[in-house]
Amino acid sequence: MKNLRNSVSLIGRLGQDPILKDLSSGKTVATFSIATSESYYNSRGERIEDTQWHNMVAWGRPGEVAAQYLKKGQEVAIEGKLIHRSYETGSGETKYITEININSILMLGGKKSA
């Protein structure tokens, strides 16, 4: 059970192509978002689709692989850990962000057709 601490598993579709950055420290990082969707019927019988967006961060080799092979609309399974952080904007405003630090990526299907 120890490995279950702060563990996140999601299946969703990429909202954009991954963006790969080379940092001055020599590390590489890829960022992108995925959407997870579920649908249900409300009390009036109307079908409701609920989509949640998740910010992804992949460091090192997983980030390089993501940038090389993943494309917008592609379905993937992600396993990682949840990170909460804050930063200050140029105007002094504090912003808070939640993201998933990726441990592994599994490509599931082709691109979703329009």
N, C-alpha and C. Protein backbone atom coordinates (compact mmCIF):
# COMPACT_ATOMS: atom_id res chain seq x y z
N MET A 1 0.81 -1.20 0.00
CA MET A 1 0.00 0.00 0.00
C MET A 1 0.86 1.27 0.00
N LYS A 2 2.12 1.13 0.36
CA LYS A 2 2.98 2.30 0.41
C LYS A 2 3.06 3.01 -0.95
N ASN A 3 3.04 2.24 -2.05
CA ASN A 3 3.14 2.83 -3.38
C ASN A 3 1.89 3.58 -3.81
N LEU A 4 0.81 3.45 -3.06
CA LEU A 4 -0.43 4.13 -3.40
C LEU A 4 -0.46 5.58 -2.93
N ARG A 5 0.47 5.96 -2.10
CA ARG A 5 0.48 7.34 -1.60
C ARG A 5 0.75 8.31 -2.73
N ASN A 6 -0.09 9.30 -2.82
CA ASN A 6 0.01 10.34 -3.84
C ASN A 6 0.19 9.74 -5.23
N SER A 7 -0.69 8.85 -5.60
CA SER A 7 -0.64 8.20 -6.91
C SER A 7 -1.89 8.59 -7.69
N VAL A 8 -1.67 9.01 -8.95
CA VAL A 8 -2.77 9.43 -9.82
C VAL A 8 -2.70 8.61 -11.10
N SER A 9 -3.84 8.07 -11.52
CA SER A 9 -3.95 7.36 -12.80
C SER A 9 -5.12 7.95 -13.56
N LEU A 10 -4.87 8.38 -14.79
CA LEU A 10 -5.91 8.99 -15.62
C LEU A 10 -5.84 8.44 -17.03
N ILE A 11 -7.00 8.37 -17.66
CA ILE A 11 -7.07 8.10 -19.09
C ILE A 11 -7.82 9.28 -19.70
N GLY A 12 -7.20 9.91 -20.70
CA GLY A 12 -7.83 11.06 -21.32
C GLY A 12 -7.21 11.36 -22.66
N ARG A 13 -7.64 12.48 -23.24
CA ARG A 13 -7.13 12.90 -24.55
C ARG A 13 -6.36 14.20 -24.41
N LEU A 14 -5.26 14.29 -25.17
CA LEU A 14 -4.42 15.48 -25.13
C LEU A 14 -5.18 16.69 -25.67
N GLY A 15 -5.07 17.81 -24.97
CA GLY A 15 -5.69 19.05 -25.39
C GLY A 15 -4.81 19.85 -26.33
N GLN A 16 -3.51 19.54 -26.34
CA GLN A 16 -2.57 20.20 -27.24
C GLN A 16 -1.34 19.31 -27.39
N ASP A 17 -0.53 19.60 -28.39
CA ASP A 17 0.74 18.89 -28.52
C ASP A 17 1.64 19.26 -27.34
N PRO A 18 2.42 18.31 -26.82
CA PRO A 18 3.34 18.63 -25.73
C PRO A 18 4.35 19.69 -26.15
N ILE A 19 4.72 20.55 -25.20
CA ILE A 19 5.73 21.58 -25.41
C ILE A 19 6.96 21.16 -24.63
N LEU A 20 8.08 20.95 -25.34
CA LEU A 20 9.33 20.52 -24.72
C LEU A 20 10.23 21.72 -24.52
N LYS A 21 10.76 21.86 -23.31
CA LYS A 21 11.68 22.96 -23.00
C LYS A 21 12.98 22.38 -22.47
N ASP A 22 14.10 22.97 -22.91
CA ASP A 22 15.41 22.66 -22.36
C ASP A 22 15.73 23.74 -21.35
N LEU A 23 15.92 23.36 -20.09
CA LEU A 23 16.19 24.32 -19.03
C LEU A 23 17.68 24.60 -18.91
N SER A 24 18.03 25.73 -18.32
CA SER A 24 19.43 26.11 -18.16
C SER A 24 20.20 25.12 -17.28
N SER A 25 19.47 24.36 -16.47
CA SER A 25 20.11 23.36 -15.60
C SER A 25 20.53 22.11 -16.39
N GLY A 26 20.13 22.05 -17.66
CA GLY A 26 20.43 20.88 -18.48
C GLY A 26 19.29 19.87 -18.52
N LYS A 27 18.27 20.06 -17.71
CA LYS A 27 17.11 19.16 -17.70
C LYS A 27 16.15 19.54 -18.80
N THR A 28 15.31 18.58 -19.20
CA THR A 28 14.24 18.85 -20.16
C THR A 28 12.91 18.58 -19.48
N VAL A 29 11.89 19.33 -19.90
CA VAL A 29 10.55 19.14 -19.35
C VAL A 29 9.53 19.36 -20.45
N ALA A 30 8.54 18.49 -20.48
CA ALA A 30 7.43 18.63 -21.43
C ALA A 30 6.16 18.94 -20.63
N THR A 31 5.35 19.85 -21.15
CA THR A 31 4.09 20.20 -20.51
C THR A 31 2.97 20.07 -21.54
N PHE A 32 1.82 19.62 -21.06
CA PHE A 32 0.63 19.51 -21.89
C PHE A 32 -0.56 19.29 -20.97
N SER A 33 -1.74 19.27 -21.54
CA SER A 33 -2.94 19.00 -20.73
C SER A 33 -3.69 17.83 -21.34
N ILE A 34 -4.43 17.14 -20.48
CA ILE A 34 -5.34 16.11 -20.98
C ILE A 34 -6.73 16.37 -20.41
N ALA A 35 -7.71 15.93 -21.15
CA ALA A 35 -9.12 16.07 -20.74
C ALA A 35 -9.67 14.68 -20.41
N THR A 36 -10.34 14.60 -19.27
CA THR A 36 -11.07 13.39 -18.92
C THR A 36 -12.55 13.76 -18.92
N SER A 37 -13.37 12.89 -19.47
CA SER A 37 -14.80 13.19 -19.59
C SER A 37 -15.64 12.04 -19.06
N GLU A 38 -16.76 12.40 -18.47
CA GLU A 38 -17.76 11.41 -18.08
C GLU A 38 -19.13 12.01 -18.35
N SER A 39 -20.10 11.16 -18.58
CA SER A 39 -21.44 11.66 -18.85
C SER A 39 -22.43 11.00 -17.90
N TYR A 40 -23.51 11.73 -17.66
CA TYR A 40 -24.58 11.24 -16.79
C TYR A 40 -25.87 11.93 -17.20
N TYR A 41 -26.98 11.44 -16.67
CA TYR A 41 -28.29 12.03 -16.94
C TYR A 41 -28.76 12.77 -15.71
N ASN A 42 -29.20 14.02 -15.89
CA ASN A 42 -29.69 14.79 -14.76
C ASN A 42 -31.14 14.39 -14.44
N SER A 43 -31.75 15.06 -13.47
CA SER A 43 -33.09 14.70 -13.00
C SER A 43 -34.16 14.89 -14.08
N ARG A 44 -33.89 15.70 -15.11
CA ARG A 44 -34.85 15.90 -16.21
C ARG A 44 -34.59 14.95 -17.38
N GLY A 45 -33.64 14.04 -17.21
CA GLY A 45 -33.35 13.07 -18.26
C GLY A 45 -32.41 13.58 -19.34
N GLU A 46 -31.82 14.76 -19.13
CA GLU A 46 -30.90 15.32 -20.11
C GLU A 46 -29.50 14.74 -19.89
N ARG A 47 -28.85 14.42 -20.98
CA ARG A 47 -27.49 13.88 -20.88
C ARG A 47 -26.52 15.05 -20.67
N ILE A 48 -25.71 14.94 -19.63
CA ILE A 48 -24.74 15.96 -19.28
C ILE A 48 -23.35 15.36 -19.43
N GLU A 49 -22.47 16.07 -20.10
CA GLU A 49 -21.08 15.62 -20.21
C GLU A 49 -20.21 16.56 -19.38
N ASP A 50 -19.44 15.98 -18.49
CA ASP A 50 -18.57 16.74 -17.59
C ASP A 50 -17.11 16.46 -17.97
N THR A 51 -16.41 17.51 -18.39
CA THR A 51 -15.01 17.38 -18.79
C THR A 51 -14.13 18.11 -17.81
N GLN A 52 -13.09 17.43 -17.34
CA GLN A 52 -12.10 18.01 -16.43
C GLN A 52 -10.77 18.09 -17.17
N TRP A 53 -10.05 19.20 -16.99
CA TRP A 53 -8.73 19.38 -17.62
C TRP A 53 -7.65 19.22 -16.57
N HIS A 54 -6.57 18.54 -16.95
CA HIS A 54 -5.48 18.24 -16.03
C HIS A 54 -4.16 18.69 -16.66
N ASN A 55 -3.36 19.44 -15.90
CA ASN A 55 -2.04 19.88 -16.36
C ASN A 55 -1.02 18.78 -16.12
N MET A 56 -0.25 18.45 -17.14
CA MET A 56 0.75 17.38 -17.07
C MET A 56 2.15 17.95 -17.18
N VAL A 57 3.08 17.35 -16.43
CA VAL A 57 4.50 17.72 -16.49
C VAL A 57 5.30 16.43 -16.56
N ALA A 58 6.16 16.31 -17.58
CA ALA A 58 7.00 15.12 -17.73
C ALA A 58 8.45 15.56 -17.82
N TRP A 59 9.26 15.12 -16.86
CA TRP A 59 10.68 15.50 -16.80
C TRP A 59 11.55 14.47 -17.49
N GLY A 60 12.64 14.92 -18.08
CA GLY A 60 13.65 14.02 -18.63
C GLY A 60 13.15 13.18 -19.79
N ARG A 61 13.52 11.90 -19.78
CA ARG A 61 13.20 11.00 -20.89
C ARG A 61 11.69 10.87 -21.15
N PRO A 62 10.85 10.72 -20.11
CA PRO A 62 9.40 10.67 -20.40
C PRO A 62 8.90 11.92 -21.12
N GLY A 63 9.46 13.07 -20.79
CA GLY A 63 9.08 14.31 -21.48
C GLY A 63 9.52 14.32 -22.93
N GLU A 64 10.72 13.82 -23.19
CA GLU A 64 11.23 13.74 -24.56
C GLU A 64 10.36 12.80 -25.40
N VAL A 65 10.00 11.66 -24.81
CA VAL A 65 9.14 10.69 -25.51
C VAL A 65 7.77 11.30 -25.78
N ALA A 66 7.21 11.99 -24.79
CA ALA A 66 5.90 12.63 -24.96
C ALA A 66 5.95 13.64 -26.10
N ALA A 67 6.98 14.48 -26.13
CA ALA A 67 7.08 15.50 -27.17
C ALA A 67 7.26 14.88 -28.55
N GLN A 68 7.93 13.74 -28.62
CA GLN A 68 8.20 13.11 -29.91
C GLN A 68 6.98 12.36 -30.45
N TYR A 69 6.22 11.69 -29.59
CA TYR A 69 5.19 10.77 -30.06
C TYR A 69 3.74 11.21 -29.82
N LEU A 70 3.49 12.09 -28.87
CA LEU A 70 2.11 12.45 -28.54
C LEU A 70 1.64 13.65 -29.34
N LYS A 71 0.39 13.62 -29.75
CA LYS A 71 -0.23 14.70 -30.51
C LYS A 71 -1.60 15.03 -29.94
N LYS A 72 -2.04 16.25 -30.20
CA LYS A 72 -3.36 16.70 -29.76
C LYS A 72 -4.44 15.71 -30.19
N GLY A 73 -5.35 15.38 -29.26
CA GLY A 73 -6.46 14.49 -29.55
C GLY A 73 -6.19 13.03 -29.26
N GLN A 74 -4.92 12.67 -29.07
CA GLN A 74 -4.55 11.28 -28.84
C GLN A 74 -4.96 10.84 -27.43
N GLU A 75 -5.43 9.60 -27.32
CA GLU A 75 -5.82 9.05 -26.02
C GLU A 75 -4.60 8.40 -25.35
N VAL A 76 -4.41 8.74 -24.06
CA VAL A 76 -3.28 8.22 -23.30
C VAL A 76 -3.72 7.83 -21.90
N ALA A 77 -2.97 6.92 -21.30
CA ALA A 77 -3.10 6.61 -19.88
C ALA A 77 -1.87 7.19 -19.20
N ILE A 78 -2.09 7.89 -18.11
CA ILE A 78 -1.02 8.58 -17.37
C ILE A 78 -0.98 8.05 -15.95
N GLU A 79 0.22 7.83 -15.44
CA GLU A 79 0.40 7.49 -14.03
C GLU A 79 1.44 8.45 -13.49
N GLY A 80 1.14 9.05 -12.35
CA GLY A 80 2.07 10.00 -11.77
C GLY A 80 1.65 10.40 -10.37
N LYS A 81 2.15 11.57 -9.95
CA LYS A 81 1.78 12.07 -8.62
C LYS A 81 1.29 13.50 -8.71
N LEU A 82 0.41 13.85 -7.79
CA LEU A 82 -0.21 15.16 -7.76
C LEU A 82 0.71 16.17 -7.08
N ILE A 83 0.89 17.32 -7.73
CA ILE A 83 1.74 18.39 -7.21
C ILE A 83 0.91 19.67 -7.14
N HIS A 84 0.97 20.35 -6.01
CA HIS A 84 0.35 21.67 -5.85
C HIS A 84 1.49 22.66 -5.66
N ARG A 85 1.45 23.78 -6.40
CA ARG A 85 2.49 24.78 -6.24
C ARG A 85 1.91 26.16 -6.49
N SER A 86 2.68 27.16 -6.15
CA SER A 86 2.25 28.53 -6.39
C SER A 86 3.42 29.31 -7.00
N TYR A 87 3.07 30.39 -7.67
CA TYR A 87 4.09 31.28 -8.23
C TYR A 87 3.54 32.69 -8.23
N GLU A 88 4.43 33.65 -8.38
CA GLU A 88 4.04 35.05 -8.37
C GLU A 88 4.16 35.61 -9.78
N THR A 89 3.12 36.31 -10.23
CA THR A 89 3.14 36.92 -11.55
C THR A 89 3.99 38.19 -11.52
N GLY A 90 4.25 38.75 -12.67
CA GLY A 90 5.02 39.99 -12.77
C GLY A 90 4.36 41.14 -12.04
N SER A 91 3.02 41.09 -11.90
CA SER A 91 2.30 42.16 -11.21
C SER A 91 2.18 41.89 -9.70
N GLY A 92 2.83 40.81 -9.22
CA GLY A 92 2.82 40.52 -7.79
C GLY A 92 1.68 39.66 -7.30
N GLU A 93 0.85 39.20 -8.21
CA GLU A 93 -0.29 38.35 -7.85
C GLU A 93 0.18 36.90 -7.67
N THR A 94 -0.28 36.24 -6.62
CA THR A 94 0.06 34.85 -6.39
C THR A 94 -0.95 33.96 -7.10
N LYS A 95 -0.43 33.03 -7.91
CA LYS A 95 -1.27 32.08 -8.63
C LYS A 95 -0.98 30.69 -8.09
N TYR A 96 -2.02 29.86 -8.04
CA TYR A 96 -1.89 28.48 -7.56
C TYR A 96 -2.19 27.54 -8.71
N ILE A 97 -1.44 26.46 -8.79
CA ILE A 97 -1.61 25.51 -9.88
C ILE A 97 -1.49 24.09 -9.33
N THR A 98 -2.29 23.20 -9.91
CA THR A 98 -2.22 21.78 -9.59
C THR A 98 -1.84 21.07 -10.87
N GLU A 99 -0.85 20.19 -10.79
CA GLU A 99 -0.40 19.46 -11.97
C GLU A 99 -0.03 18.04 -11.60
N ILE A 100 0.10 17.21 -12.61
CA ILE A 100 0.47 15.82 -12.40
C ILE A 100 1.88 15.62 -12.94
N ASN A 101 2.77 15.20 -12.06
CA ASN A 101 4.15 14.91 -12.43
C ASN A 101 4.17 13.46 -12.91
N ILE A 102 4.39 13.25 -14.20
CA ILE A 102 4.23 11.95 -14.85
C ILE A 102 5.38 11.00 -14.53
N ASN A 103 5.01 9.77 -14.16
CA ASN A 103 5.99 8.69 -14.03
C ASN A 103 5.98 7.81 -15.27
N SER A 104 4.78 7.54 -15.83
CA SER A 104 4.71 6.71 -17.03
C SER A 104 3.53 7.12 -17.89
N ILE A 105 3.69 6.89 -19.19
CA ILE A 105 2.69 7.22 -20.20
C ILE A 105 2.46 5.98 -21.06
N LEU A 106 1.19 5.69 -21.34
CA LEU A 106 0.84 4.60 -22.24
C LEU A 106 -0.06 5.16 -23.33
N MET A 107 0.37 5.04 -24.58
CA MET A 107 -0.44 5.50 -25.71
C MET A 107 -1.52 4.46 -25.98
N LEU A 108 -2.79 4.88 -25.99
CA LEU A 108 -3.89 3.94 -26.10
C LEU A 108 -4.49 3.81 -27.48
N GLY A 109 -4.82 4.90 -28.10
CA GLY A 109 -5.53 4.81 -29.36
C GLY A 109 -5.08 5.88 -30.31
N GLY A 110 -5.73 5.89 -31.45
CA GLY A 110 -5.43 6.90 -32.46
C GLY A 110 -6.06 8.23 -32.10
N LYS A 111 -5.87 9.17 -32.97
CA LYS A 111 -6.44 10.50 -32.79
C LYS A 111 -7.95 10.45 -32.92
N LYS A 112 -8.64 11.17 -32.07
CA LYS A 112 -10.10 11.21 -32.10
C LYS A 112 -10.55 11.92 -33.37
N SER A 113 -11.46 11.32 -34.09
CA SER A 113 -11.94 11.93 -35.32
C SER A 113 -12.92 13.05 -35.01
N ALA A 114 -12.96 14.04 -35.87
CA ALA A 114 -13.78 15.23 -35.63
C ALA A 114 -15.23 15.01 -35.87
